[in-house]
């Protein structure tokens, strides 16, 4: 009887290999990808001018493997994972163990047909690209059974790349999958996966060492902590976490922050928030768009204008004309001296 697996597809090499290994054994594979809001792909790659390759790697992997892919927005449900991780954070604000349990649990519901995806067909087991020792917290041999147990997937969760280092799962015991054709990868080196990819005829894949979540990034985590501290509560909206990915974030005073675009793509993205924040433009020279979050005192406005002028083409000019626009588009024009680089303390830079 033909068997079917649902594979978690992150867009990286490991999940691509795990799904391909199942196809090599005659298993029908269907992919699933979860959007948390903190994903690196699909946002910054799309808006930054300097990024050469503009693709959603999860969709690209699905195309290479010729499998259907369901992309599920879990950003609202994911709040509790970020704010209250039962198993704690990693080195930054990354709740990696709770995240993996959450995603496997959601996939297990899909497996049973108890999901919001009415067009997805029930499957027999779940496949992930985990490798023992690759991540310090979520991919340890002792945490692998915990993920299977707490997600509810139990022994229907198969990890083809390190299966030989774990107890046989249901698909292996039932003969749906040949355990001898699985692997015992261990550790952080990606060379075994690269060699396997070549042997399977795969010629292109996403950068193996690339992270897929901003919460593992020290700079991003500092910006999120700063957001919580400035508001006096640990909460966030989707717009909050998207804006943390874009621009320079500077906090000259505790009661306000300035977000300054770094390139044209970020300029275009910040344009969409002009009616939600005070925004600043340099009128006499080419320059960035900046958003201001917080309640300003009268003396703050000159500092903000001078700061934004510093990052414009008029940074070396004696005077620069800057416009501060309110939510209705009314402008206050100011003639300011651009701040010198040494006049911007390191403490202003949120996240480094």
C-alpha atoms as a PDB file:
ATOM      1  CA  UNK A   1       0.000   0.000   0.000  1.00  0.00           C
ATOM      2  CA  UNK A   2       1.524   3.392  -0.974  1.00  0.00           C
ATOM      3  CA  UNK A   3       2.483   5.500   2.026  1.00  0.00           C
ATOM      4  CA  UNK A   4       2.482   9.248   2.416  1.00  0.00           C
ATOM      5  CA  UNK A   5       4.579  11.576   4.588  1.00  0.00           C
ATOM      6  CA  UNK A   6       4.263  15.238   5.489  1.00  0.00           C
ATOM      7  CA  UNK A   7       7.670  16.933   5.534  1.00  0.00           C
ATOM      8  CA  UNK A   8       8.496  20.152   7.357  1.00  0.00           C
ATOM      9  CA  UNK A   9      10.170  22.275   4.681  1.00  0.00           C
ATOM     10  CA  UNK A  10      12.190  25.203   5.993  1.00  0.00           C
ATOM     11  CA  UNK A  11      13.903  25.912   2.677  1.00  0.00           C
ATOM     12  CA  UNK A  12      17.293  24.724   3.896  1.00  0.00           C
ATOM     13  CA  UNK A  13      19.382  21.816   2.715  1.00  0.00           C
ATOM     14  CA  UNK A  14      18.486  19.412   5.554  1.00  0.00           C
ATOM     15  CA  UNK A  15      14.725  19.488   5.065  1.00  0.00           C
ATOM     16  CA  UNK A  16      15.243  19.199   1.307  1.00  0.00           C
ATOM     17  CA  UNK A  17      17.348  16.067   1.805  1.00  0.00           C
ATOM     18  CA  UNK A  18      14.922  14.504   4.282  1.00  0.00           C
ATOM     19  CA  UNK A  19      12.031  14.847   1.854  1.00  0.00           C
ATOM     20  CA  UNK A  20      14.108  13.634  -1.093  1.00  0.00           C
ATOM     21  CA  UNK A  21      15.224  10.514   0.813  1.00  0.00           C
ATOM     22  CA  UNK A  22      11.578   9.614   1.324  1.00  0.00           C
ATOM     23  CA  UNK A  23      10.881  10.043  -2.369  1.00  0.00           C
ATOM     24  CA  UNK A  24      13.824   7.729  -3.092  1.00  0.00           C
ATOM     25  CA  UNK A  25      11.968   5.050  -1.117  1.00  0.00           C
ATOM     26  CA  UNK A  26       8.717   5.504  -3.013  1.00  0.00           C
ATOM     27  CA  UNK A  27       6.967   7.593  -0.333  1.00  0.00           C
ATOM     28  CA  UNK A  28       4.588  10.303  -1.502  1.00  0.00           C
ATOM     29  CA  UNK A  29       5.647  13.551   0.145  1.00  0.00           C
ATOM     30  CA  UNK A  30       3.643  16.681   0.868  1.00  0.00           C
ATOM     31  CA  UNK A  31       5.387  19.727   2.362  1.00  0.00           C
ATOM     32  CA  UNK A  32       4.402  22.215   5.035  1.00  0.00           C
ATOM     33  CA  UNK A  33       6.055  25.504   5.982  1.00  0.00           C
ATOM     34  CA  UNK A  34       5.063  27.687   8.928  1.00  0.00           C
ATOM     35  CA  UNK A  35       5.227  31.493   8.845  1.00  0.00           C
ATOM     36  CA  UNK A  36       5.929  32.874  12.338  1.00  0.00           C
ATOM     37  CA  UNK A  37       6.670  36.494  11.469  1.00  0.00           C
ATOM     38  CA  UNK A  38      10.300  36.030  12.512  1.00  0.00           C
ATOM     39  CA  UNK A  39      11.297  34.211   9.332  1.00  0.00           C
ATOM     40  CA  UNK A  40      14.365  35.556   7.577  1.00  0.00           C
ATOM     41  CA  UNK A  41      13.075  34.670   4.134  1.00  0.00           C
ATOM     42  CA  UNK A  42      10.183  36.193   2.267  1.00  0.00           C
ATOM     43  CA  UNK A  43      10.639  39.662   3.757  1.00  0.00           C
ATOM     44  CA  UNK A  44      14.115  41.133   3.961  1.00  0.00           C
ATOM     45  CA  UNK A  45      15.217  39.285   0.821  1.00  0.00           C
ATOM     46  CA  UNK A  46      12.319  40.855  -1.032  1.00  0.00           C
ATOM     47  CA  UNK A  47      12.893  44.478  -0.008  1.00  0.00           C
ATOM     48  CA  UNK A  48      16.666  44.799   0.066  1.00  0.00           C
ATOM     49  CA  UNK A  49      18.257  45.931  -3.160  1.00  0.00           C
ATOM     50  CA  UNK A  50      21.585  44.220  -2.426  1.00  0.00           C
ATOM     51  CA  UNK A  51      20.202  40.681  -2.159  1.00  0.00           C
ATOM     52  CA  UNK A  52      21.030  38.917  -5.411  1.00  0.00           C
ATOM     53  CA  UNK A  53      18.652  35.949  -5.157  1.00  0.00           C
ATOM     54  CA  UNK A  54      15.026  36.804  -4.481  1.00  0.00           C
ATOM     55  CA  UNK A  55      13.135  33.649  -3.825  1.00  0.00           C
ATOM     56  CA  UNK A  56      11.212  31.919  -1.092  1.00  0.00           C
ATOM     57  CA  UNK A  57      13.461  28.927  -0.539  1.00  0.00           C
ATOM     58  CA  UNK A  58      10.684  26.736   0.874  1.00  0.00           C
ATOM     59  CA  UNK A  59       8.666  27.217  -2.327  1.00  0.00           C
ATOM     60  CA  UNK A  60      11.801  26.722  -4.393  1.00  0.00           C
ATOM     61  CA  UNK A  61      12.591  23.412  -2.604  1.00  0.00           C
ATOM     62  CA  UNK A  62       9.034  22.209  -3.169  1.00  0.00           C
ATOM     63  CA  UNK A  63       9.388  23.015  -6.862  1.00  0.00           C
ATOM     64  CA  UNK A  64      12.705  21.147  -7.103  1.00  0.00           C
ATOM     65  CA  UNK A  65      11.203  18.095  -5.413  1.00  0.00           C
ATOM     66  CA  UNK A  66       7.914  18.418  -7.329  1.00  0.00           C
ATOM     67  CA  UNK A  67       5.795  18.273  -4.174  1.00  0.00           C
ATOM     68  CA  UNK A  68       2.851  20.387  -3.008  1.00  0.00           C
ATOM     69  CA  UNK A  69       3.673  22.855  -0.230  1.00  0.00           C
ATOM     70  CA  UNK A  70       1.289  24.371   2.299  1.00  0.00           C
ATOM     71  CA  UNK A  71       2.451  27.677   3.791  1.00  0.00           C
ATOM     72  CA  UNK A  72       0.572  28.287   7.038  1.00  0.00           C
ATOM     73  CA  UNK A  73       0.510  31.617   8.878  1.00  0.00           C
ATOM     74  CA  UNK A  74       0.916  30.818  12.594  1.00  0.00           C
ATOM     75  CA  UNK A  75       2.122  34.292  13.621  1.00  0.00           C
ATOM     76  CA  UNK A  76      -0.749  34.866  16.070  1.00  0.00           C
ATOM     77  CA  UNK A  77      -0.515  31.441  17.722  1.00  0.00           C
ATOM     78  CA  UNK A  78       3.249  31.797  17.884  1.00  0.00           C
ATOM     79  CA  UNK A  79       3.025  34.656  20.410  1.00  0.00           C
ATOM     80  CA  UNK A  80       2.848  32.272  23.336  1.00  0.00           C
ATOM     81  CA  UNK A  81       5.853  30.301  22.086  1.00  0.00           C
ATOM     82  CA  UNK A  82       7.986  33.464  22.038  1.00  0.00           C
ATOM     83  CA  UNK A  83       6.678  35.050  25.215  1.00  0.00           C
ATOM     84  CA  UNK A  84       6.299  31.966  27.417  1.00  0.00           C
ATOM     85  CA  UNK A  85       8.592  29.146  26.241  1.00  0.00           C
ATOM     86  CA  UNK A  86       8.259  26.189  28.616  1.00  0.00           C
ATOM     87  CA  UNK A  87      11.789  25.064  27.839  1.00  0.00           C
ATOM     88  CA  UNK A  88      13.354  28.521  27.887  1.00  0.00           C
ATOM     89  CA  UNK A  89      15.370  30.489  25.348  1.00  0.00           C
ATOM     90  CA  UNK A  90      18.585  29.696  23.544  1.00  0.00           C
ATOM     91  CA  UNK A  91      21.520  32.096  23.462  1.00  0.00           C
ATOM     92  CA  UNK A  92      19.164  34.925  22.408  1.00  0.00           C
ATOM     93  CA  UNK A  93      15.349  35.151  22.391  1.00  0.00           C
ATOM     94  CA  UNK A  94      15.077  31.962  20.361  1.00  0.00           C
ATOM     95  CA  UNK A  95      12.667  29.411  21.897  1.00  0.00           C
ATOM     96  CA  UNK A  96      14.021  26.692  19.613  1.00  0.00           C
ATOM     97  CA  UNK A  97      12.845  23.636  21.528  1.00  0.00           C
ATOM     98  CA  UNK A  98       9.338  24.992  22.080  1.00  0.00           C
ATOM     99  CA  UNK A  99       9.288  26.122  18.453  1.00  0.00           C
ATOM    100  CA  UNK A 100      10.067  22.653  17.131  1.00  0.00           C
ATOM    101  CA  UNK A 101       7.436  21.082  19.410  1.00  0.00           C
ATOM    102  CA  UNK A 102       4.890  23.668  18.227  1.00  0.00           C
ATOM    103  CA  UNK A 103       5.579  23.040  14.540  1.00  0.00           C
ATOM    104  CA  UNK A 104       5.558  19.257  14.826  1.00  0.00           C
ATOM    105  CA  UNK A 105       2.319  19.463  16.823  1.00  0.00           C
ATOM    106  CA  UNK A 106       0.727  21.586  14.081  1.00  0.00           C
ATOM    107  CA  UNK A 107       1.960  19.093  11.484  1.00  0.00           C
ATOM    108  CA  UNK A 108       0.550  16.219  13.512  1.00  0.00           C
ATOM    109  CA  UNK A 109      -2.885  17.826  13.315  1.00  0.00           C
ATOM    110  CA  UNK A 110      -2.409  18.027   9.557  1.00  0.00           C
ATOM    111  CA  UNK A 111      -1.390  14.384   9.568  1.00  0.00           C
ATOM    112  CA  UNK A 112      -4.666  13.443  11.208  1.00  0.00           C
ATOM    113  CA  UNK A 113      -6.774  15.655   8.980  1.00  0.00           C
ATOM    114  CA  UNK A 114      -7.662  17.846  11.969  1.00  0.00           C
ATOM    115  CA  UNK A 115      -6.233  20.974  10.422  1.00  0.00           C
ATOM    116  CA  UNK A 116      -7.578  24.130   8.821  1.00  0.00           C
ATOM    117  CA  UNK A 117      -6.108  22.905   5.528  1.00  0.00           C
ATOM    118  CA  UNK A 118      -9.143  21.241   4.026  1.00  0.00           C
ATOM    119  CA  UNK A 119      -7.279  20.466   0.786  1.00  0.00           C
ATOM    120  CA  UNK A 120      -4.529  18.519   2.549  1.00  0.00           C
ATOM    121  CA  UNK A 121      -4.909  14.753   2.549  1.00  0.00           C
ATOM    122  CA  UNK A 122      -4.209  12.630   5.598  1.00  0.00           C
ATOM    123  CA  UNK A 123      -0.764  11.066   5.785  1.00  0.00           C
ATOM    124  CA  UNK A 124       0.987   8.234   7.616  1.00  0.00           C
ATOM    125  CA  UNK A 125       3.963   9.949   9.247  1.00  0.00           C
ATOM    126  CA  UNK A 126       5.973  13.162   9.636  1.00  0.00           C
ATOM    127  CA  UNK A 127       9.471  13.848   8.314  1.00  0.00           C
ATOM    128  CA  UNK A 128      11.893  16.527   9.514  1.00  0.00           C
ATOM    129  CA  UNK A 129      15.468  17.377   8.586  1.00  0.00           C
ATOM    130  CA  UNK A 130      16.844  17.424  12.132  1.00  0.00           C
ATOM    131  CA  UNK A 131      20.423  16.296  12.759  1.00  0.00           C
ATOM    132  CA  UNK A 132      21.656  15.389  16.244  1.00  0.00           C
ATOM    133  CA  UNK A 133      24.138  17.941  17.564  1.00  0.00           C
ATOM    134  CA  UNK A 134      23.458  20.546  14.893  1.00  0.00           C
ATOM    135  CA  UNK A 135      21.674  22.954  17.239  1.00  0.00           C
ATOM    136  CA  UNK A 136      22.709  23.378  20.845  1.00  0.00           C
ATOM    137  CA  UNK A 137      19.248  22.998  22.379  1.00  0.00           C
ATOM    138  CA  UNK A 138      16.617  21.695  20.006  1.00  0.00           C
ATOM    139  CA  UNK A 139      18.682  19.059  18.207  1.00  0.00           C
ATOM    140  CA  UNK A 140      20.205  17.002  20.977  1.00  0.00           C
ATOM    141  CA  UNK A 141      19.773  13.254  21.269  1.00  0.00           C
ATOM    142  CA  UNK A 142      18.029  13.674  24.630  1.00  0.00           C
ATOM    143  CA  UNK A 143      15.566  16.280  23.268  1.00  0.00           C
ATOM    144  CA  UNK A 144      14.538  14.264  20.202  1.00  0.00           C
ATOM    145  CA  UNK A 145      12.172  11.954  22.180  1.00  0.00           C
ATOM    146  CA  UNK A 146      10.838  14.964  24.097  1.00  0.00           C
ATOM    147  CA  UNK A 147       9.844  16.703  20.841  1.00  0.00           C
ATOM    148  CA  UNK A 148       8.125  13.555  19.587  1.00  0.00           C
ATOM    149  CA  UNK A 149       6.274  13.063  22.877  1.00  0.00           C
ATOM    150  CA  UNK A 150       5.173  16.643  23.621  1.00  0.00           C
ATOM    151  CA  UNK A 151       4.086  17.279  20.024  1.00  0.00           C
ATOM    152  CA  UNK A 152       1.856  14.212  20.054  1.00  0.00           C
ATOM    153  CA  UNK A 153       3.580  12.783  16.987  1.00  0.00           C
ATOM    154  CA  UNK A 154       5.289  10.067  19.059  1.00  0.00           C
ATOM    155  CA  UNK A 155       6.859   7.363  16.867  1.00  0.00           C
ATOM    156  CA  UNK A 156       5.305   8.697  13.670  1.00  0.00           C
ATOM    157  CA  UNK A 157       8.046  11.345  13.624  1.00  0.00           C
ATOM    158  CA  UNK A 158      10.945  10.244  11.403  1.00  0.00           C
ATOM    159  CA  UNK A 159      14.270  12.062  11.072  1.00  0.00           C
ATOM    160  CA  UNK A 160      15.940  10.431   8.053  1.00  0.00           C
ATOM    161  CA  UNK A 161      19.307  12.193   8.420  1.00  0.00           C
ATOM    162  CA  UNK A 162      20.004  10.880  11.934  1.00  0.00           C
ATOM    163  CA  UNK A 163      17.517   7.989  12.241  1.00  0.00           C
ATOM    164  CA  UNK A 164      20.193   5.356  12.809  1.00  0.00           C
ATOM    165  CA  UNK A 165      21.229   7.124  16.020  1.00  0.00           C
ATOM    166  CA  UNK A 166      17.667   6.927  17.373  1.00  0.00           C
ATOM    167  CA  UNK A 167      15.186   4.198  18.216  1.00  0.00           C
ATOM    168  CA  UNK A 168      13.303   2.814  15.179  1.00  0.00           C
ATOM    169  CA  UNK A 169      10.074   4.669  14.487  1.00  0.00           C
ATOM    170  CA  UNK A 170       6.736   3.261  13.347  1.00  0.00           C
ATOM    171  CA  UNK A 171       7.480   3.767   9.609  1.00  0.00           C
ATOM    172  CA  UNK A 172      10.714   1.790  10.043  1.00  0.00           C
ATOM    173  CA  UNK A 173       9.212  -0.994  12.157  1.00  0.00           C
ATOM    174  CA  UNK A 174       6.276  -1.423   9.770  1.00  0.00           C
ATOM    175  CA  UNK A 175       8.557  -1.591   6.759  1.00  0.00           C
ATOM    176  CA  UNK A 176       7.177   1.534   5.091  1.00  0.00           C
ATOM    177  CA  UNK A 177      10.728   2.901   5.157  1.00  0.00           C
ATOM    178  CA  UNK A 178      13.962   0.910   4.905  1.00  0.00           C
ATOM    179  CA  UNK A 179      16.064   1.900   7.939  1.00  0.00           C
ATOM    180  CA  UNK A 180      19.245   0.740   6.198  1.00  0.00           C
ATOM    181  CA  UNK A 181      18.806   3.496   3.623  1.00  0.00           C
ATOM    182  CA  UNK A 182      18.658   6.187   6.324  1.00  0.00           C
ATOM    183  CA  UNK A 183      21.634   7.984   7.910  1.00  0.00           C
ATOM    184  CA  UNK A 184      23.480   8.637  11.181  1.00  0.00           C
ATOM    185  CA  UNK A 185      24.586  12.253  10.682  1.00  0.00           C
ATOM    186  CA  UNK A 186      25.809  13.912  13.854  1.00  0.00           C
ATOM    187  CA  UNK A 187      27.372  17.288  14.658  1.00  0.00           C
ATOM    188  CA  UNK A 188      27.500  20.720  13.072  1.00  0.00           C
ATOM    189  CA  UNK A 189      29.500  19.940   9.935  1.00  0.00           C
ATOM    190  CA  UNK A 190      27.388  20.232   6.782  1.00  0.00           C
ATOM    191  CA  UNK A 191      29.828  18.365   4.549  1.00  0.00           C
ATOM    192  CA  UNK A 192      28.019  14.995   4.875  1.00  0.00           C
ATOM    193  CA  UNK A 193      24.774  16.631   3.786  1.00  0.00           C
ATOM    194  CA  UNK A 194      26.478  18.350   0.863  1.00  0.00           C
ATOM    195  CA  UNK A 195      27.976  15.055  -0.288  1.00  0.00           C
ATOM    196  CA  UNK A 196      24.583  13.364   0.054  1.00  0.00           C
ATOM    197  CA  UNK A 197      22.931  16.119  -1.964  1.00  0.00           C
ATOM    198  CA  UNK A 198      25.423  15.623  -4.782  1.00  0.00           C
ATOM    199  CA  UNK A 199      24.874  11.849  -4.736  1.00  0.00           C
ATOM    200  CA  UNK A 200      21.120  12.433  -5.065  1.00  0.00           C
ATOM    201  CA  UNK A 201      21.648  14.630  -8.114  1.00  0.00           C
ATOM    202  CA  UNK A 202      20.802  17.906  -6.358  1.00  0.00           C
ATOM    203  CA  UNK A 203      22.784  20.762  -7.864  1.00  0.00           C
ATOM    204  CA  UNK A 204      21.505  23.809  -5.968  1.00  0.00           C
ATOM    205  CA  UNK A 205      20.291  24.506  -2.451  1.00  0.00           C
ATOM    206  CA  UNK A 206      20.008  27.349   0.035  1.00  0.00           C
ATOM    207  CA  UNK A 207      23.158  28.360   1.884  1.00  0.00           C
ATOM    208  CA  UNK A 208      23.609  25.478   4.357  1.00  0.00           C
ATOM    209  CA  UNK A 209      24.754  27.621   7.282  1.00  0.00           C
ATOM    210  CA  UNK A 210      22.028  30.227   6.887  1.00  0.00           C
ATOM    211  CA  UNK A 211      19.636  30.732   9.787  1.00  0.00           C
ATOM    212  CA  UNK A 212      15.909  30.882   9.150  1.00  0.00           C
ATOM    213  CA  UNK A 213      14.764  32.813  12.250  1.00  0.00           C
ATOM    214  CA  UNK A 214      15.611  36.339  13.366  1.00  0.00           C
ATOM    215  CA  UNK A 215      15.225  35.359  17.030  1.00  0.00           C
ATOM    216  CA  UNK A 216      18.619  33.620  16.857  1.00  0.00           C
ATOM    217  CA  UNK A 217      20.232  36.923  15.833  1.00  0.00           C
ATOM    218  CA  UNK A 218      21.804  38.899  18.697  1.00  0.00           C
ATOM    219  CA  UNK A 219      21.132  42.298  17.116  1.00  0.00           C
ATOM    220  CA  UNK A 220      17.474  41.513  16.439  1.00  0.00           C
ATOM    221  CA  UNK A 221      16.960  40.130  19.958  1.00  0.00           C
ATOM    222  CA  UNK A 222      18.382  43.329  21.471  1.00  0.00           C
ATOM    223  CA  UNK A 223      15.923  45.367  19.397  1.00  0.00           C
ATOM    224  CA  UNK A 224      13.022  43.220  20.575  1.00  0.00           C
ATOM    225  CA  UNK A 225      14.108  43.563  24.222  1.00  0.00           C
ATOM    226  CA  UNK A 226      14.379  47.327  23.698  1.00  0.00           C
ATOM    227  CA  UNK A 227      10.829  47.358  22.315  1.00  0.00           C
ATOM    228  CA  UNK A 228       9.519  45.552  25.402  1.00  0.00           C
ATOM    229  CA  UNK A 229      11.435  47.812  27.767  1.00  0.00           C
ATOM    230  CA  UNK A 230      10.247  51.017  26.102  1.00  0.00           C
ATOM    231  CA  UNK A 231       6.605  49.933  26.324  1.00  0.00           C
ATOM    232  CA  UNK A 232       6.825  48.398  29.765  1.00  0.00           C
ATOM    233  CA  UNK A 233       5.343  45.072  28.672  1.00  0.00           C
ATOM    234  CA  UNK A 234       6.403  41.929  26.841  1.00  0.00           C
ATOM    235  CA  UNK A 235       4.104  41.970  23.820  1.00  0.00           C
ATOM    236  CA  UNK A 236       4.377  42.614  20.097  1.00  0.00           C
ATOM    237  CA  UNK A 237       2.317  42.943  16.938  1.00  0.00           C
ATOM    238  CA  UNK A 238       3.209  41.617  13.498  1.00  0.00           C
ATOM    239  CA  UNK A 239       4.045  45.160  12.362  1.00  0.00           C
ATOM    240  CA  UNK A 240       6.377  45.562  15.339  1.00  0.00           C
ATOM    241  CA  UNK A 241       8.472  42.538  14.470  1.00  0.00           C
ATOM    242  CA  UNK A 242       8.540  43.350  10.758  1.00  0.00           C
ATOM    243  CA  UNK A 243       9.817  46.861  11.461  1.00  0.00           C
ATOM    244  CA  UNK A 244      12.558  45.464  13.688  1.00  0.00           C
ATOM    245  CA  UNK A 245      13.980  43.787  10.567  1.00  0.00           C
ATOM    246  CA  UNK A 246      14.321  47.037   8.627  1.00  0.00           C
ATOM    247  CA  UNK A 247      16.608  50.060   8.863  1.00  0.00           C
ATOM    248  CA  UNK A 248      18.861  51.562  11.521  1.00  0.00           C
ATOM    249  CA  UNK A 249      17.182  51.767  14.923  1.00  0.00           C
ATOM    250  CA  UNK A 250      18.402  54.627  17.113  1.00  0.00           C
ATOM    251  CA  UNK A 251      17.068  55.713  20.502  1.00  0.00           C
ATOM    252  CA  UNK A 252      18.453  59.172  21.420  1.00  0.00           C
ATOM    253  CA  UNK A 253      16.103  59.327  24.416  1.00  0.00           C
ATOM    254  CA  UNK A 254      14.163  56.628  26.306  1.00  0.00           C
ATOM    255  CA  UNK A 255      10.807  58.062  25.179  1.00  0.00           C
ATOM    256  CA  UNK A 256      11.337  57.812  21.413  1.00  0.00           C
ATOM    257  CA  UNK A 257      13.103  55.816  18.695  1.00  0.00           C
ATOM    258  CA  UNK A 258      14.035  56.668  15.080  1.00  0.00           C
ATOM    259  CA  UNK A 259      14.045  54.052  12.307  1.00  0.00           C
ATOM    260  CA  UNK A 260      16.143  55.218   9.333  1.00  0.00           C
ATOM    261  CA  UNK A 261      16.154  53.331   6.041  1.00  0.00           C
ATOM    262  CA  UNK A 262      19.503  52.159   4.694  1.00  0.00           C
ATOM    263  CA  UNK A 263      18.657  51.726   1.012  1.00  0.00           C
ATOM    264  CA  UNK A 264      15.957  52.300  -1.579  1.00  0.00           C
ATOM    265  CA  UNK A 265      14.155  49.020  -0.922  1.00  0.00           C
ATOM    266  CA  UNK A 266      13.800  49.855   2.761  1.00  0.00           C
ATOM    267  CA  UNK A 267      12.621  53.342   1.802  1.00  0.00           C
ATOM    268  CA  UNK A 268       9.777  51.804  -0.186  1.00  0.00           C
ATOM    269  CA  UNK A 269       8.853  49.486   2.672  1.00  0.00           C
ATOM    270  CA  UNK A 270       8.756  52.262   5.288  1.00  0.00           C
ATOM    271  CA  UNK A 271       6.550  54.333   2.969  1.00  0.00           C
ATOM    272  CA  UNK A 272       3.691  52.030   3.957  1.00  0.00           C
ATOM    273  CA  UNK A 273       3.860  53.285   7.564  1.00  0.00           C
ATOM    274  CA  UNK A 274       3.743  57.036   6.838  1.00  0.00           C
ATOM    275  CA  UNK A 275       0.183  57.369   8.176  1.00  0.00           C
ATOM    276  CA  UNK A 276       0.967  55.515  11.377  1.00  0.00           C
ATOM    277  CA  UNK A 277       4.140  57.304  12.489  1.00  0.00           C
ATOM    278  CA  UNK A 278       5.643  60.752  12.353  1.00  0.00           C
ATOM    279  CA  UNK A 279       7.995  60.479   9.394  1.00  0.00           C
ATOM    280  CA  UNK A 280      10.996  62.499   8.338  1.00  0.00           C
ATOM    281  CA  UNK A 281      12.457  63.316   4.913  1.00  0.00           C
ATOM    282  CA  UNK A 282      15.473  65.331   3.815  1.00  0.00           C
ATOM    283  CA  UNK A 283      14.100  67.931   1.396  1.00  0.00           C
ATOM    284  CA  UNK A 284      17.286  69.561   0.099  1.00  0.00           C
ATOM    285  CA  UNK A 285      19.285  66.419  -0.655  1.00  0.00           C
ATOM    286  CA  UNK A 286      18.743  62.778  -1.523  1.00  0.00           C
ATOM    287  CA  UNK A 287      18.331  60.791   1.634  1.00  0.00           C
ATOM    288  CA  UNK A 288      16.489  58.191   3.657  1.00  0.00           C
ATOM    289  CA  UNK A 289      12.960  58.025   4.949  1.00  0.00           C
ATOM    290  CA  UNK A 290      12.743  57.793   8.732  1.00  0.00           C
ATOM    291  CA  UNK A 291       9.926  56.850  11.096  1.00  0.00           C
ATOM    292  CA  UNK A 292       9.669  58.143  14.650  1.00  0.00           C
ATOM    293  CA  UNK A 293       8.021  56.052  17.348  1.00  0.00           C
ATOM    294  CA  UNK A 294       7.152  57.690  20.683  1.00  0.00           C
ATOM    295  CA  UNK A 295       5.945  60.968  22.161  1.00  0.00           C
ATOM    296  CA  UNK A 296       8.262  63.858  21.370  1.00  0.00           C
ATOM    297  CA  UNK A 297       9.274  66.908  23.399  1.00  0.00           C
ATOM    298  CA  UNK A 298       9.837  70.144  21.493  1.00  0.00           C
ATOM    299  CA  UNK A 299      13.639  69.883  21.709  1.00  0.00           C
ATOM    300  CA  UNK A 300      13.588  66.353  20.255  1.00  0.00           C
ATOM    301  CA  UNK A 301      12.518  67.513  16.815  1.00  0.00           C
ATOM    302  CA  UNK A 302      15.771  69.302  15.995  1.00  0.00           C
ATOM    303  CA  UNK A 303      17.827  66.313  17.171  1.00  0.00           C
ATOM    304  CA  UNK A 304      15.788  63.981  14.975  1.00  0.00           C
ATOM    305  CA  UNK A 305      16.105  66.249  11.922  1.00  0.00           C
ATOM    306  CA  UNK A 306      19.877  66.581  12.424  1.00  0.00           C
ATOM    307  CA  UNK A 307      20.212  62.827  12.882  1.00  0.00           C
ATOM    308  CA  UNK A 308      18.345  61.985   9.678  1.00  0.00           C
ATOM    309  CA  UNK A 309      20.367  64.656   7.816  1.00  0.00           C
ATOM    310  CA  UNK A 310      23.539  62.837   8.921  1.00  0.00           C
ATOM    311  CA  UNK A 311      22.508  59.791   6.870  1.00  0.00           C
ATOM    312  CA  UNK A 312      21.595  61.814   3.748  1.00  0.00           C
ATOM    313  CA  UNK A 313      23.698  63.040   0.813  1.00  0.00           C
ATOM    314  CA  UNK A 314      23.887  66.355   2.667  1.00  0.00           C
ATOM    315  CA  UNK A 315      25.901  64.950   5.562  1.00  0.00           C
ATOM    316  CA  UNK A 316      28.862  67.230   4.682  1.00  0.00           C
ATOM    317  CA  UNK A 317      26.773  70.317   3.907  1.00  0.00           C
ATOM    318  CA  UNK A 318      26.688  73.312   6.241  1.00  0.00           C
ATOM    319  CA  UNK A 319      22.888  73.230   6.387  1.00  0.00           C
ATOM    320  CA  UNK A 320      20.233  70.734   5.336  1.00  0.00           C
ATOM    321  CA  UNK A 321      16.510  71.305   4.953  1.00  0.00           C
ATOM    322  CA  UNK A 322      14.441  68.562   6.580  1.00  0.00           C
ATOM    323  CA  UNK A 323      10.686  67.982   6.721  1.00  0.00           C
ATOM    324  CA  UNK A 324       8.870  66.392   9.676  1.00  0.00           C
ATOM    325  CA  UNK A 325       5.475  65.093   8.546  1.00  0.00           C
ATOM    326  CA  UNK A 326       2.606  64.338  10.925  1.00  0.00           C
ATOM    327  CA  UNK A 327      -0.003  61.584  10.427  1.00  0.00           C
ATOM    328  CA  UNK A 328      -2.121  63.873   8.237  1.00  0.00           C
ATOM    329  CA  UNK A 329       0.829  64.765   6.001  1.00  0.00           C
ATOM    330  CA  UNK A 330       1.270  68.290   7.378  1.00  0.00           C
ATOM    331  CA  UNK A 331       4.939  69.228   7.266  1.00  0.00           C
ATOM    332  CA  UNK A 332       7.177  71.228   9.585  1.00  0.00           C
ATOM    333  CA  UNK A 333      10.309  72.307   7.727  1.00  0.00           C
ATOM    334  CA  UNK A 334      13.573  72.798   9.603  1.00  0.00           C
ATOM    335  CA  UNK A 335      17.033  73.994   8.555  1.00  0.00           C
ATOM    336  CA  UNK A 336      19.554  71.950  10.513  1.00  0.00           C
ATOM    337  CA  UNK A 337      23.230  71.123  10.761  1.00  0.00           C
ATOM    338  CA  UNK A 338      23.806  67.394  10.164  1.00  0.00           C
ATOM    339  CA  UNK A 339      25.147  65.590  13.200  1.00  0.00           C
ATOM    340  CA  UNK A 340      28.769  64.514  12.896  1.00  0.00           C
ATOM    341  CA  UNK A 341      29.415  60.785  13.128  1.00  0.00           C
ATOM    342  CA  UNK A 342      31.287  61.244  16.434  1.00  0.00           C
ATOM    343  CA  UNK A 343      28.282  63.116  17.843  1.00  0.00           C
ATOM    344  CA  UNK A 344      26.129  59.969  17.641  1.00  0.00           C
ATOM    345  CA  UNK A 345      26.879  57.905  20.769  1.00  0.00           C
ATOM    346  CA  UNK A 346      27.071  54.144  20.434  1.00  0.00           C
ATOM    347  CA  UNK A 347      24.370  53.954  23.107  1.00  0.00           C
ATOM    348  CA  UNK A 348      21.860  55.393  20.628  1.00  0.00           C
ATOM    349  CA  UNK A 349      22.188  52.382  18.333  1.00  0.00           C
ATOM    350  CA  UNK A 350      19.586  49.798  19.274  1.00  0.00           C
ATOM    351  CA  UNK A 351      20.864  46.327  18.471  1.00  0.00           C
ATOM    352  CA  UNK A 352      24.311  47.493  17.397  1.00  0.00           C
END
